[in-house]
PDB file of N, CA and C in Angstrom:
ATOM      1  N   MET A   1       0.793  -1.069   0.067  1.00  0.00           N
ATOM      2  CA  MET A   1      -0.144  -0.084  -0.096  1.00  0.00           C
ATOM      3  C   MET A   1       0.883   1.409   0.037  1.00  0.00           C
ATOM      4  N   THR A   2       0.581   2.128  -0.769  1.00  0.00           N
ATOM      5  CA  THR A   2       1.465   3.359  -0.868  1.00  0.00           C
ATOM      6  C   THR A   2       1.010   4.328   0.340  1.00  0.00           C
ATOM      7  N   LEU A   3       2.045   5.306   0.393  1.00  0.00           N
ATOM      8  CA  LEU A   3       2.313   6.318   1.576  1.00  0.00           C
ATOM      9  C   LEU A   3       0.682   6.900   1.404  1.00  0.00           C
ATOM     10  N   ASN A   4       0.564   7.423   0.190  1.00  0.00           N
ATOM     11  CA  ASN A   4      -0.687   8.239   0.018  1.00  0.00           C
ATOM     12  C   ASN A   4      -2.070   7.349   0.589  1.00  0.00           C
ATOM     13  N   LYS A   5      -2.105   6.288   0.008  1.00  0.00           N
ATOM     14  CA  LYS A   5      -3.353   5.599   0.377  1.00  0.00           C
ATOM     15  C   LYS A   5      -3.324   5.470   1.594  1.00  0.00           C
ATOM     16  N   GLN A   6      -2.204   5.033   2.484  1.00  0.00           N
ATOM     17  CA  GLN A   6      -2.226   4.775   3.948  1.00  0.00           C
ATOM     18  C   GLN A   6      -2.770   6.274   4.947  1.00  0.00           C
ATOM     19  N   LEU A   7      -2.282   7.420   4.157  1.00  0.00           N
ATOM     20  CA  LEU A   7      -2.601   8.401   4.714  1.00  0.00           C
ATOM     21  C   LEU A   7      -3.918   8.821   4.664  1.00  0.00           C
ATOM     22  N   LYS A   8      -4.562   8.722   3.150  1.00  0.00           N
ATOM     23  CA  LYS A   8      -6.027   8.813   2.915  1.00  0.00           C
ATOM     24  C   LYS A   8      -6.685   7.822   3.707  1.00  0.00           C
ATOM     25  N   GLN A   9      -6.458   6.815   4.355  1.00  0.00           N
ATOM     26  CA  GLN A   9      -7.563   5.753   4.831  1.00  0.00           C
ATOM     27  C   GLN A   9      -7.284   6.225   6.419  1.00  0.00           C
ATOM     28  N   SER A  10      -6.048   6.735   6.877  1.00  0.00           N
ATOM     29  CA  SER A  10      -6.125   7.241   8.265  1.00  0.00           C
ATOM     30  C   SER A  10      -6.832   8.542   8.583  1.00  0.00           C
ATOM     31  N   ASN A  11      -6.602   9.405   7.652  1.00  0.00           N
ATOM     32  CA  ASN A  11      -7.345  10.690   8.013  1.00  0.00           C
ATOM     33  C   ASN A  11      -8.053  11.227   7.010  1.00  0.00           C
ATOM     34  N   GLY A  12      -8.122  10.767   5.799  1.00  0.00           N
ATOM     35  CA  GLY A  12      -9.181  11.441   4.482  1.00  0.00           C
ATOM     36  C   GLY A  12      -8.592  12.436   3.847  1.00  0.00           C
ATOM     37  N   MET A  13      -7.038  12.465   4.059  1.00  0.00           N
ATOM     38  CA  MET A  13      -6.530  13.543   3.168  1.00  0.00           C
ATOM     39  C   MET A  13      -5.561  13.045   2.072  1.00  0.00           C
ATOM     40  N   SER A  14      -5.279  13.659   0.988  1.00  0.00           N
ATOM     41  CA  SER A  14      -4.188  13.169   0.280  1.00  0.00           C
ATOM     42  C   SER A  14      -2.949  13.977   0.705  1.00  0.00           C
ATOM     43  N   ILE A  15      -1.850  13.211   0.521  1.00  0.00           N
ATOM     44  CA  ILE A  15      -0.577  13.879   0.913  1.00  0.00           C
ATOM     45  C   ILE A  15      -0.403  15.452   0.828  1.00  0.00           C
ATOM     46  N   GLY A  16      -0.853  15.731  -0.538  1.00  0.00           N
ATOM     47  CA  GLY A  16      -0.814  17.219  -1.010  1.00  0.00           C
ATOM     48  C   GLY A  16      -1.676  18.081  -0.064  1.00  0.00           C
ATOM     49  N   ALA A  17      -2.996  17.382   0.252  1.00  0.00           N
ATOM     50  CA  ALA A  17      -4.044  18.023   1.222  1.00  0.00           C
ATOM     51  C   ALA A  17      -3.471  18.347   2.432  1.00  0.00           C
ATOM     52  N   TYR A  18      -2.775  17.069   2.863  1.00  0.00           N
ATOM     53  CA  TYR A  18      -2.484  17.041   4.361  1.00  0.00           C
ATOM     54  C   TYR A  18      -1.275  18.075   4.392  1.00  0.00           C
ATOM     55  N   LEU A  19      -0.217  18.299   3.266  1.00  0.00           N
ATOM     56  CA  LEU A  19       0.928  19.407   3.445  1.00  0.00           C
ATOM     57  C   LEU A  19       0.324  20.497   3.364  1.00  0.00           C
ATOM     58  N   ASN A  20      -0.846  20.885   2.310  1.00  0.00           N
ATOM     59  CA  ASN A  20      -1.244  22.144   2.449  1.00  0.00           C
ATOM     60  C   ASN A  20      -1.904  22.501   3.799  1.00  0.00           C
ATOM     61  N   PHE A  21      -2.542  21.670   4.880  1.00  0.00           N
ATOM     62  CA  PHE A  21      -3.035  21.676   5.734  1.00  0.00           C
ATOM     63  C   PHE A  21      -2.135  22.303   6.936  1.00  0.00           C
ATOM     64  N   ILE A  22      -1.023  21.423   6.799  1.00  0.00           N
ATOM     65  CA  ILE A  22       0.013  21.813   7.822  1.00  0.00           C
ATOM     66  C   ILE A  22       0.638  23.105   7.541  1.00  0.00           C
ATOM     67  N   ARG A  23       0.701  23.558   6.245  1.00  0.00           N
ATOM     68  CA  ARG A  23       1.280  25.179   5.871  1.00  0.00           C
ATOM     69  C   ARG A  23       0.378  26.153   6.531  1.00  0.00           C
ATOM     70  N   LEU A  24      -0.927  25.653   6.239  1.00  0.00           N
ATOM     71  CA  LEU A  24      -1.898  26.755   6.720  1.00  0.00           C
ATOM     72  C   LEU A  24      -2.180  26.771   8.299  1.00  0.00           C
ATOM     73  N   MET A  25      -1.820  25.638   9.029  1.00  0.00           N
ATOM     74  CA  MET A  25      -1.693  25.693  10.509  1.00  0.00           C
ATOM     75  C   MET A  25      -0.400  26.676  10.723  1.00  0.00           C
ATOM     76  N   HIS A  26       0.709  26.277  10.092  1.00  0.00           N
ATOM     77  CA  HIS A  26       1.867  27.279  10.598  1.00  0.00           C
ATOM     78  C   HIS A  26       1.637  28.707  10.217  1.00  0.00           C
ATOM     79  N   ALA A  27       1.203  28.903   9.052  1.00  0.00           N
ATOM     80  CA  ALA A  27       0.643  30.476   8.739  1.00  0.00           C
ATOM     81  C   ALA A  27      -0.040  30.935   9.641  1.00  0.00           C
ATOM     82  N   ARG A  28      -1.011  30.335  10.307  1.00  0.00           N
ATOM     83  CA  ARG A  28      -2.071  30.803  11.290  1.00  0.00           C
ATOM     84  C   ARG A  28      -1.202  30.934  12.489  1.00  0.00           C
ATOM     85  N   GLU A  29      -0.305  30.196  12.936  1.00  0.00           N
ATOM     86  CA  GLU A  29       0.268  30.821  13.863  1.00  0.00           C
ATOM     87  C   GLU A  29       1.206  31.913  13.990  1.00  0.00           C
ATOM     88  N   LEU A  30       1.947  32.014  12.638  1.00  0.00           N
ATOM     89  CA  LEU A  30       2.671  33.234  12.450  1.00  0.00           C
ATOM     90  C   LEU A  30       1.769  34.392  12.318  1.00  0.00           C
ATOM     91  N   LEU A  31       0.818  34.327  11.858  1.00  0.00           N
ATOM     92  CA  LEU A  31       0.042  35.583  11.590  1.00  0.00           C
ATOM     93  C   LEU A  31      -0.542  35.958  13.071  1.00  0.00           C
ATOM     94  N   LEU A  32      -0.644  35.221  13.947  1.00  0.00           N
ATOM     95  CA  LEU A  32      -1.167  35.426  15.555  1.00  0.00           C
ATOM     96  C   LEU A  32      -0.050  35.819  16.369  1.00  0.00           C
ATOM     97  N   SER A  33       1.033  35.116  15.963  1.00  0.00           N
ATOM     98  CA  SER A  33       2.173  35.450  16.987  1.00  0.00           C
ATOM     99  C   SER A  33       3.439  36.569  16.702  1.00  0.00           C
ATOM    100  N   THR A  34       3.257  36.823  15.577  1.00  0.00           N
ATOM    101  CA  THR A  34       4.391  37.889  14.957  1.00  0.00           C
ATOM    102  C   THR A  34       3.400  38.951  14.155  1.00  0.00           C
ATOM    103  N   ASP A  35       4.188  40.057  13.745  1.00  0.00           N
ATOM    104  CA  ASP A  35       3.746  40.854  13.096  1.00  0.00           C
ATOM    105  C   ASP A  35       4.515  41.208  11.401  1.00  0.00           C
ATOM    106  N   LYS A  36       4.881  39.966  11.327  1.00  0.00           N
ATOM    107  CA  LYS A  36       5.921  39.668   9.801  1.00  0.00           C
ATOM    108  C   LYS A  36       4.802  39.929   8.880  1.00  0.00           C
ATOM    109  N   PRO A  37       5.331  40.559   7.777  1.00  0.00           N
ATOM    110  CA  PRO A  37       4.347  40.846   6.540  1.00  0.00           C
ATOM    111  C   PRO A  37       3.913  39.368   6.056  1.00  0.00           C
ATOM    112  N   ILE A  38       2.624  39.644   5.222  1.00  0.00           N
ATOM    113  CA  ILE A  38       1.931  38.460   4.771  1.00  0.00           C
ATOM    114  C   ILE A  38       2.844  37.733   3.792  1.00  0.00           C
ATOM    115  N   GLU A  39       3.591  38.481   3.016  1.00  0.00           N
ATOM    116  CA  GLU A  39       4.401  37.849   2.035  1.00  0.00           C
ATOM    117  C   GLU A  39       5.550  36.896   2.592  1.00  0.00           C
ATOM    118  N   TRP A  40       6.202  37.534   3.874  1.00  0.00           N
ATOM    119  CA  TRP A  40       7.055  36.739   4.674  1.00  0.00           C
ATOM    120  C   TRP A  40       6.294  35.210   5.237  1.00  0.00           C
ATOM    121  N   VAL A  41       5.253  35.520   5.819  1.00  0.00           N
ATOM    122  CA  VAL A  41       4.370  34.453   6.149  1.00  0.00           C
ATOM    123  C   VAL A  41       4.325  33.380   5.040  1.00  0.00           C
ATOM    124  N   ALA A  42       3.732  33.884   3.866  1.00  0.00           N
ATOM    125  CA  ALA A  42       3.604  32.779   2.790  1.00  0.00           C
ATOM    126  C   ALA A  42       4.732  32.148   2.472  1.00  0.00           C
ATOM    127  N   THR A  43       5.932  32.674   2.309  1.00  0.00           N
ATOM    128  CA  THR A  43       7.213  31.922   1.885  1.00  0.00           C
ATOM    129  C   THR A  43       7.705  31.199   2.966  1.00  0.00           C
ATOM    130  N   ASP A  44       7.438  31.666   4.071  1.00  0.00           N
ATOM    131  CA  ASP A  44       8.083  31.091   5.370  1.00  0.00           C
ATOM    132  C   ASP A  44       7.217  29.655   5.473  1.00  0.00           C
ATOM    133  N   CYS A  45       5.960  29.616   5.169  1.00  0.00           N
ATOM    134  CA  CYS A  45       5.260  28.461   5.281  1.00  0.00           C
ATOM    135  C   CYS A  45       5.346  27.686   3.886  1.00  0.00           C
ATOM    136  N   GLY A  46       5.965  28.066   3.075  1.00  0.00           N
ATOM    137  CA  GLY A  46       6.070  27.094   1.851  1.00  0.00           C
ATOM    138  C   GLY A  46       5.348  27.437   0.634  1.00  0.00           C
ATOM    139  N   PHE A  47       4.456  28.696   0.711  1.00  0.00           N
ATOM    140  CA  PHE A  47       3.858  28.964  -0.441  1.00  0.00           C
ATOM    141  C   PHE A  47       4.501  29.998  -1.237  1.00  0.00           C
ATOM    142  N   SER A  48       4.545  30.012  -2.704  1.00  0.00           N
ATOM    143  CA  SER A  48       5.139  30.503  -3.561  1.00  0.00           C
ATOM    144  C   SER A  48       5.266  31.906  -3.360  1.00  0.00           C
ATOM    145  N   ASN A  49       3.800  32.553  -2.921  1.00  0.00           N
ATOM    146  CA  ASN A  49       3.734  34.007  -2.758  1.00  0.00           C
ATOM    147  C   ASN A  49       2.292  34.340  -1.947  1.00  0.00           C
ATOM    148  N   SER A  50       2.269  35.323  -1.711  1.00  0.00           N
ATOM    149  CA  SER A  50       1.204  35.941  -0.691  1.00  0.00           C
ATOM    150  C   SER A  50      -0.359  35.503  -1.189  1.00  0.00           C
ATOM    151  N   ARG A  51      -0.317  35.474  -2.763  1.00  0.00           N
ATOM    152  CA  ARG A  51      -1.602  35.245  -3.532  1.00  0.00           C
ATOM    153  C   ARG A  51      -2.137  33.948  -3.278  1.00  0.00           C
ATOM    154  N   ILE A  52      -1.042  33.014  -3.346  1.00  0.00           N
ATOM    155  CA  ILE A  52      -1.504  31.647  -3.085  1.00  0.00           C
ATOM    156  C   ILE A  52      -1.958  31.289  -1.630  1.00  0.00           C
ATOM    157  N   LEU A  53      -1.122  32.089  -0.790  1.00  0.00           N
ATOM    158  CA  LEU A  53      -1.777  31.818   0.547  1.00  0.00           C
ATOM    159  C   LEU A  53      -2.941  32.651   0.841  1.00  0.00           C
ATOM    160  N   ASN A  54      -3.275  33.712   0.395  1.00  0.00           N
ATOM    161  CA  ASN A  54      -4.476  34.183   0.557  1.00  0.00           C
ATOM    162  C   ASN A  54      -5.636  33.407   0.093  1.00  0.00           C
ATOM    163  N   ARG A  55      -5.365  32.760  -1.218  1.00  0.00           N
ATOM    164  CA  ARG A  55      -6.400  31.939  -1.656  1.00  0.00           C
ATOM    165  C   ARG A  55      -6.718  30.661  -0.906  1.00  0.00           C
ATOM    166  N   ASN A  56      -5.641  30.113  -0.454  1.00  0.00           N
ATOM    167  CA  ASN A  56      -5.887  28.976   0.287  1.00  0.00           C
ATOM    168  C   ASN A  56      -6.315  29.008   1.740  1.00  0.00           C
ATOM    169  N   PHE A  57      -5.803  30.214   2.398  1.00  0.00           N
ATOM    170  CA  PHE A  57      -6.370  30.518   3.467  1.00  0.00           C
ATOM    171  C   PHE A  57      -7.632  30.956   3.593  1.00  0.00           C
ATOM    172  N   LYS A  58      -8.404  31.656   2.515  1.00  0.00           N
ATOM    173  CA  LYS A  58      -9.653  32.069   2.599  1.00  0.00           C
ATOM    174  C   LYS A  58     -10.675  30.843   2.397  1.00  0.00           C
ATOM    175  N   ALA A  59     -10.087  29.945   1.505  1.00  0.00           N
ATOM    176  CA  ALA A  59     -10.833  28.788   1.364  1.00  0.00           C
ATOM    177  C   ALA A  59     -10.955  28.000   2.758  1.00  0.00           C
ATOM    178  N   TRP A  60      -9.929  28.106   3.436  1.00  0.00           N
ATOM    179  CA  TRP A  60      -9.935  27.279   4.985  1.00  0.00           C
ATOM    180  C   TRP A  60     -10.515  27.951   5.916  1.00  0.00           C
ATOM    181  N   LYS A  61     -10.427  29.427   6.035  1.00  0.00           N
ATOM    182  CA  LYS A  61     -11.241  30.257   7.037  1.00  0.00           C
ATOM    183  C   LYS A  61     -12.096  31.051   6.885  1.00  0.00           C
ATOM    184  N   ASN A  62     -12.547  31.100   5.542  1.00  0.00           N
ATOM    185  CA  ASN A  62     -13.466  32.148   4.963  1.00  0.00           C
ATOM    186  C   ASN A  62     -12.974  33.756   5.147  1.00  0.00           C
ATOM    187  N   LYS A  63     -11.515  33.984   5.347  1.00  0.00           N
ATOM    188  CA  LYS A  63     -10.930  35.021   5.741  1.00  0.00           C
ATOM    189  C   LYS A  63      -9.610  35.076   5.185  1.00  0.00           C
ATOM    190  N   THR A  64      -9.412  36.397   4.764  1.00  0.00           N
ATOM    191  CA  THR A  64      -7.745  36.637   4.387  1.00  0.00           C
ATOM    192  C   THR A  64      -7.012  36.242   5.459  1.00  0.00           C
ATOM    193  N   PRO A  65      -5.642  36.117   5.039  1.00  0.00           N
ATOM    194  CA  PRO A  65      -4.752  36.382   6.389  1.00  0.00           C
ATOM    195  C   PRO A  65      -4.762  37.307   7.063  1.00  0.00           C
ATOM    196  N   THR A  66      -4.808  38.874   6.565  1.00  0.00           N
ATOM    197  CA  THR A  66      -4.819  39.848   7.055  1.00  0.00           C
ATOM    198  C   THR A  66      -5.975  40.067   7.976  1.00  0.00           C
ATOM    199  N   GLN A  67      -7.205  39.739   7.268  1.00  0.00           N
ATOM    200  CA  GLN A  67      -8.625  39.710   8.358  1.00  0.00           C
ATOM    201  C   GLN A  67      -8.676  39.044   9.590  1.00  0.00           C
ATOM    202  N   TYR A  68      -7.908  37.809   9.190  1.00  0.00           N
ATOM    203  CA  TYR A  68      -7.760  36.616  10.110  1.00  0.00           C
ATOM    204  C   TYR A  68      -6.687  37.574  11.469  1.00  0.00           C
ATOM    205  N   ARG A  69      -5.890  37.854  10.826  1.00  0.00           N
ATOM    206  CA  ARG A  69      -4.640  38.623  12.073  1.00  0.00           C
ATOM    207  C   ARG A  69      -5.346  39.626  12.755  1.00  0.00           C
ATOM    208  N   ASN A  70      -6.073  40.437  11.973  1.00  0.00           N
ATOM    209  CA  ASN A  70      -6.574  41.677  12.680  1.00  0.00           C
ATOM    210  C   ASN A  70      -7.865  41.466  13.707  1.00  0.00           C
ATOM    211  N   GLU A  71      -8.587  40.149  13.359  1.00  0.00           N
ATOM    212  CA  GLU A  71      -9.845  39.783  14.255  1.00  0.00           C
ATOM    213  C   GLU A  71      -9.367  38.975  15.407  1.00  0.00           C
ATOM    214  N   TYR A  72      -8.333  37.982  15.313  1.00  0.00           N
ATOM    215  CA  TYR A  72      -7.876  37.257  16.344  1.00  0.00           C
ATOM    216  C   TYR A  72      -6.604  37.402  16.890  1.00  0.00           C
ATOM    217  N   SER A  73      -5.470  38.212  16.727  1.00  0.00           N
ATOM    218  CA  SER A  73      -4.136  38.519  17.220  1.00  0.00           C
ATOM    219  C   SER A  73      -4.267  39.035  18.571  1.00  0.00           C
ATOM    220  N   GLU A  74      -5.145  39.991  18.982  1.00  0.00           N
ATOM    221  CA  GLU A  74      -5.386  40.499  20.315  1.00  0.00           C
ATOM    222  C   GLU A  74      -5.869  39.131  21.174  1.00  0.00           C
ATOM    223  N   TYR A  75      -6.638  38.771  20.834  1.00  0.00           N
ATOM    224  CA  TYR A  75      -6.933  37.569  21.772  1.00  0.00           C
ATOM    225  C   TYR A  75      -5.940  36.560  21.917  1.00  0.00           C
ATOM    226  N   TYR A  76      -5.397  36.071  20.830  1.00  0.00           N
ATOM    227  CA  TYR A  76      -4.332  35.206  20.718  1.00  0.00           C
ATOM    228  C   TYR A  76      -3.190  35.729  21.981  1.00  0.00           C
ATOM    229  N   ILE A  77      -2.763  36.983  21.862  1.00  0.00           N
ATOM    230  CA  ILE A  77      -1.880  37.425  22.746  1.00  0.00           C
ATOM    231  C   ILE A  77      -2.038  37.592  24.050  1.00  0.00           C
ATOM    232  N   ALA A  78      -3.440  37.945  24.373  1.00  0.00           N
ATOM    233  CA  ALA A  78      -4.211  37.987  25.562  1.00  0.00           C
ATOM    234  C   ALA A  78      -4.061  36.582  26.296  1.00  0.00           C
ATOM    235  N   THR A  79      -4.119  35.692  25.462  1.00  0.00           N
ATOM    236  CA  THR A  79      -4.141  34.422  26.195  1.00  0.00           C
ATOM    237  C   THR A  79      -2.750  33.591  26.364  1.00  0.00           C
ATOM    238  N   ASN A  80      -1.728  34.087  25.780  1.00  0.00           N
ATOM    239  CA  ASN A  80      -0.400  33.472  25.682  1.00  0.00           C
ATOM    240  C   ASN A  80       0.570  34.334  26.460  1.00  0.00           C
TER     241      ASN A  80
END
């Protein structure tokens, strides 16, 4: 059985979808814990540019990275 099939059986995601999810989780963490520019966050998380991060992040959270940061970073700082 291939790794892709094993991963899909265990969590329902392909390797590509899983990798994208991990990148988005890392981007979310950086958005909330730093004030780095979105372009920097995108490249640090493995996205080729901020447009790609924006598209993927909006599909995941229904907000752009900037909107998400503005809405949640204050709460994140207060709890950590």
